N, C-alpha and C. Protein backbone atom coordinates (compact mmCIF):
# COMPACT_ATOMS: atom_id res chain seq x y z
N MET A 1 -58.54 66.45 135.09
CA MET A 1 -57.40 65.58 135.71
C MET A 1 -56.96 64.67 134.92
N LEU A 2 -55.66 64.13 134.95
CA LEU A 2 -55.35 62.97 134.31
C LEU A 2 -55.05 62.01 135.30
N ILE A 3 -55.34 60.77 135.28
CA ILE A 3 -55.00 59.86 136.22
C ILE A 3 -54.17 58.41 135.64
N PHE A 4 -53.18 58.28 136.27
CA PHE A 4 -52.33 57.04 136.00
C PHE A 4 -52.20 56.09 136.96
N ALA A 5 -52.32 54.87 136.72
CA ALA A 5 -52.09 53.62 137.68
C ALA A 5 -50.47 53.34 137.33
N VAL A 6 -49.88 53.20 138.55
CA VAL A 6 -48.48 52.88 138.47
C VAL A 6 -48.48 51.68 139.59
N GLU A 7 -47.28 50.77 139.25
CA GLU A 7 -46.87 49.65 140.13
C GLU A 7 -46.56 50.15 141.49
N ASP A 8 -45.44 50.98 141.39
CA ASP A 8 -44.98 51.26 142.77
C ASP A 8 -44.85 52.94 142.84
N LEU A 9 -46.00 53.29 143.62
CA LEU A 9 -46.22 54.70 143.62
C LEU A 9 -45.06 55.47 144.32
N ASN A 10 -44.67 54.90 145.46
CA ASN A 10 -43.69 55.49 146.28
C ASN A 10 -42.33 55.75 145.52
N ALA A 11 -42.00 54.62 144.80
CA ALA A 11 -40.72 54.91 144.06
C ALA A 11 -40.79 55.81 142.97
N ILE A 12 -42.02 55.91 142.07
CA ILE A 12 -42.22 57.00 141.09
C ILE A 12 -42.15 58.44 141.72
N ALA A 13 -43.03 58.58 142.87
CA ALA A 13 -42.86 59.90 143.56
C ALA A 13 -41.61 60.32 143.91
N GLU A 14 -40.92 59.44 144.53
CA GLU A 14 -39.44 59.56 144.78
C GLU A 14 -38.64 60.26 143.65
N ARG A 15 -38.76 59.52 142.46
CA ARG A 15 -38.22 59.72 141.23
C ARG A 15 -38.58 61.25 140.74
N LEU A 16 -39.67 61.38 140.74
CA LEU A 16 -40.27 62.67 140.38
C LEU A 16 -39.54 63.96 141.30
N VAL A 17 -39.67 63.87 142.64
CA VAL A 17 -39.23 64.70 143.48
C VAL A 17 -37.68 64.88 143.14
N ASP A 18 -37.02 63.71 142.94
CA ASP A 18 -35.49 63.85 142.68
C ASP A 18 -35.18 64.61 141.54
N HIS A 19 -36.07 64.47 140.50
CA HIS A 19 -35.83 65.35 139.29
C HIS A 19 -36.50 66.81 139.53
N GLY A 20 -36.77 67.30 140.58
CA GLY A 20 -37.27 68.59 140.92
C GLY A 20 -38.74 68.82 140.72
N ILE A 21 -39.43 67.91 140.56
CA ILE A 21 -41.04 68.05 140.37
C ILE A 21 -41.67 68.16 141.78
N ALA A 22 -42.41 69.14 142.02
CA ALA A 22 -43.18 69.36 143.24
C ALA A 22 -44.49 68.59 143.41
N LEU A 23 -44.59 67.79 144.40
CA LEU A 23 -45.85 67.04 144.47
C LEU A 23 -46.86 68.03 145.18
N VAL A 24 -48.13 68.04 144.78
CA VAL A 24 -49.32 68.72 145.43
C VAL A 24 -49.66 67.96 146.61
N SER A 25 -49.63 66.72 146.58
CA SER A 25 -49.93 65.82 147.74
C SER A 25 -49.06 64.73 147.73
N GLU A 26 -48.36 64.35 148.90
CA GLU A 26 -47.62 63.29 149.03
C GLU A 26 -48.32 61.99 148.78
N PRO A 27 -47.66 60.68 148.45
CA PRO A 27 -48.26 59.51 148.40
C PRO A 27 -49.02 59.35 149.87
N SER A 28 -50.36 58.96 149.85
CA SER A 28 -51.08 58.53 150.87
C SER A 28 -52.11 57.61 150.69
N ASP A 29 -52.42 56.77 151.65
CA ASP A 29 -53.49 55.75 151.45
C ASP A 29 -55.00 56.42 151.51
N ARG A 30 -55.53 56.04 150.43
CA ARG A 30 -57.24 56.43 150.29
C ARG A 30 -58.00 55.24 150.40
N PRO A 31 -58.17 54.65 151.53
CA PRO A 31 -58.90 53.39 151.77
C PRO A 31 -60.38 53.68 151.30
N GLU A 32 -60.96 54.96 151.19
CA GLU A 32 -62.14 55.04 150.70
C GLU A 32 -62.39 54.93 149.27
N TRP A 33 -61.25 55.01 148.59
CA TRP A 33 -61.23 54.86 147.15
C TRP A 33 -60.47 53.57 146.68
N GLY A 34 -59.80 52.76 147.70
CA GLY A 34 -59.08 51.52 147.46
C GLY A 34 -57.79 51.76 146.72
N ILE A 35 -57.16 52.92 146.86
CA ILE A 35 -55.92 53.22 146.32
C ILE A 35 -54.95 54.10 147.19
N ARG A 36 -53.76 53.96 146.74
CA ARG A 36 -52.82 54.98 147.56
C ARG A 36 -52.42 55.85 146.30
N ALA A 37 -52.51 57.31 146.62
CA ALA A 37 -52.56 58.23 145.53
C ALA A 37 -51.40 59.40 146.01
N ALA A 38 -50.95 60.05 144.85
CA ALA A 38 -50.12 61.21 144.92
C ALA A 38 -50.47 62.21 143.70
N HIS A 39 -50.39 63.40 143.94
CA HIS A 39 -50.85 64.41 142.97
C HIS A 39 -49.74 65.35 142.58
N LEU A 40 -49.76 65.78 141.40
CA LEU A 40 -48.94 66.75 141.03
C LEU A 40 -49.52 67.58 139.89
N ARG A 41 -48.89 68.79 139.37
CA ARG A 41 -49.35 69.58 138.36
C ARG A 41 -48.29 69.49 137.20
N ASP A 42 -48.92 69.50 135.99
CA ASP A 42 -48.09 69.54 134.79
C ASP A 42 -47.69 71.15 134.60
N PRO A 43 -46.87 71.65 133.59
CA PRO A 43 -46.49 72.93 133.35
C PRO A 43 -47.58 73.86 133.02
N ASP A 44 -48.81 73.16 132.63
CA ASP A 44 -50.09 74.18 132.34
C ASP A 44 -50.75 74.29 133.49
N GLY A 45 -50.42 73.43 134.69
CA GLY A 45 -51.56 73.59 135.78
C GLY A 45 -52.37 72.48 135.99
N ASN A 46 -52.47 71.43 135.00
CA ASN A 46 -53.29 70.52 135.08
C ASN A 46 -52.88 69.46 136.19
N LEU A 47 -53.90 69.08 136.98
CA LEU A 47 -53.77 68.04 138.05
C LEU A 47 -53.63 66.72 137.40
N ILE A 48 -52.49 65.96 138.02
CA ILE A 48 -52.25 64.67 137.59
C ILE A 48 -52.41 63.86 138.82
N GLU A 49 -52.92 62.77 138.86
CA GLU A 49 -52.99 61.73 139.88
C GLU A 49 -52.14 60.47 139.49
N LEU A 50 -51.36 59.88 140.26
CA LEU A 50 -50.70 58.75 140.24
C LEU A 50 -51.27 57.82 141.25
N ASN A 51 -51.57 56.51 140.93
CA ASN A 51 -52.02 55.91 142.12
C ASN A 51 -51.70 54.35 141.92
N SER A 52 -51.87 53.62 143.00
CA SER A 52 -51.66 52.15 143.03
C SER A 52 -52.71 51.56 143.82
N PRO A 53 -53.29 50.39 143.59
CA PRO A 53 -54.36 49.82 144.34
C PRO A 53 -53.84 49.45 145.69
N LEU A 54 -54.79 49.59 146.64
CA LEU A 54 -54.52 49.16 148.05
C LEU A 54 -55.01 47.58 147.96
N PRO A 55 -54.39 46.72 149.02
CA PRO A 55 -55.09 45.55 149.15
C PRO A 55 -56.54 45.59 149.60
N VAL A 56 -57.30 44.76 149.31
CA VAL A 56 -58.92 44.72 149.61
C VAL A 56 -58.98 45.06 151.15
N ASP A 57 -58.14 44.32 152.03
CA ASP A 57 -58.33 44.41 153.27
C ASP A 57 -57.90 45.70 153.95
N GLN A 58 -57.54 46.60 153.03
CA GLN A 58 -57.17 48.05 153.71
C GLN A 58 -58.26 48.89 153.16
N TRP A 59 -59.22 48.46 152.33
CA TRP A 59 -60.31 49.21 152.05
C TRP A 59 -61.24 49.53 153.11
N THR A 60 -62.09 50.65 152.91
CA THR A 60 -62.94 50.84 153.84
C THR A 60 -64.06 49.75 153.94
N GLU A 61 -64.90 49.70 154.97
CA GLU A 61 -65.91 48.62 155.08
C GLU A 61 -66.89 48.80 153.97
N THR A 62 -67.40 50.25 153.80
CA THR A 62 -68.32 50.63 152.77
C THR A 62 -67.87 50.07 151.38
N LEU A 63 -66.59 50.50 151.07
CA LEU A 63 -66.03 50.08 149.73
C LEU A 63 -66.04 48.60 149.53
N GLN A 64 -65.63 47.82 150.42
CA GLN A 64 -65.76 46.30 150.48
C GLN A 64 -67.10 45.88 150.18
N GLU A 65 -68.08 46.51 150.76
CA GLU A 65 -69.58 45.96 150.49
C GLU A 65 -70.05 46.35 149.18
N LEU A 66 -69.60 47.49 148.74
CA LEU A 66 -70.01 47.89 147.29
C LEU A 66 -69.45 46.97 146.40
N ASP A 67 -68.05 46.69 146.70
CA ASP A 67 -67.29 45.78 145.63
C ASP A 67 -68.05 44.31 145.56
N ALA A 68 -68.27 43.98 146.75
CA ALA A 68 -68.92 42.55 146.89
C ALA A 68 -70.21 42.60 146.18
N GLN A 69 -71.12 43.74 146.34
CA GLN A 69 -72.42 43.83 145.77
C GLN A 69 -72.22 43.79 144.21
N HIS A 70 -71.25 44.50 143.76
CA HIS A 70 -70.74 44.75 142.22
C HIS A 70 -70.67 43.14 141.69
N ASN A 71 -69.71 42.54 142.54
CA ASN A 71 -69.26 41.04 142.10
C ASN A 71 -70.37 40.25 142.10
N ASP A 72 -71.48 40.24 142.99
CA ASP A 72 -72.57 39.47 142.96
C ASP A 72 -73.34 39.61 141.66
N ARG A 73 -73.45 40.87 141.21
CA ARG A 73 -74.34 41.18 140.05
C ARG A 73 -73.56 40.63 138.65
N VAL A 74 -72.35 40.55 138.68
CA VAL A 74 -71.55 40.24 137.45
C VAL A 74 -71.63 38.82 137.16
């Protein structure tokens, strides 16, 4: 899988669909990952993820705790 971070996931997904590209999954929040993500496939069938970060206050409590622990060690 290829993963690309983008600034405005909704706008990019809309442009892709407007150009006839089918999304495997529509943009949706993934608070357990801390991102909003959408998926599509390239012509060879490889999965591509486009994502944008979610604000920290939208992350799951577990992810926020892991992030805090990581930041304490750095």
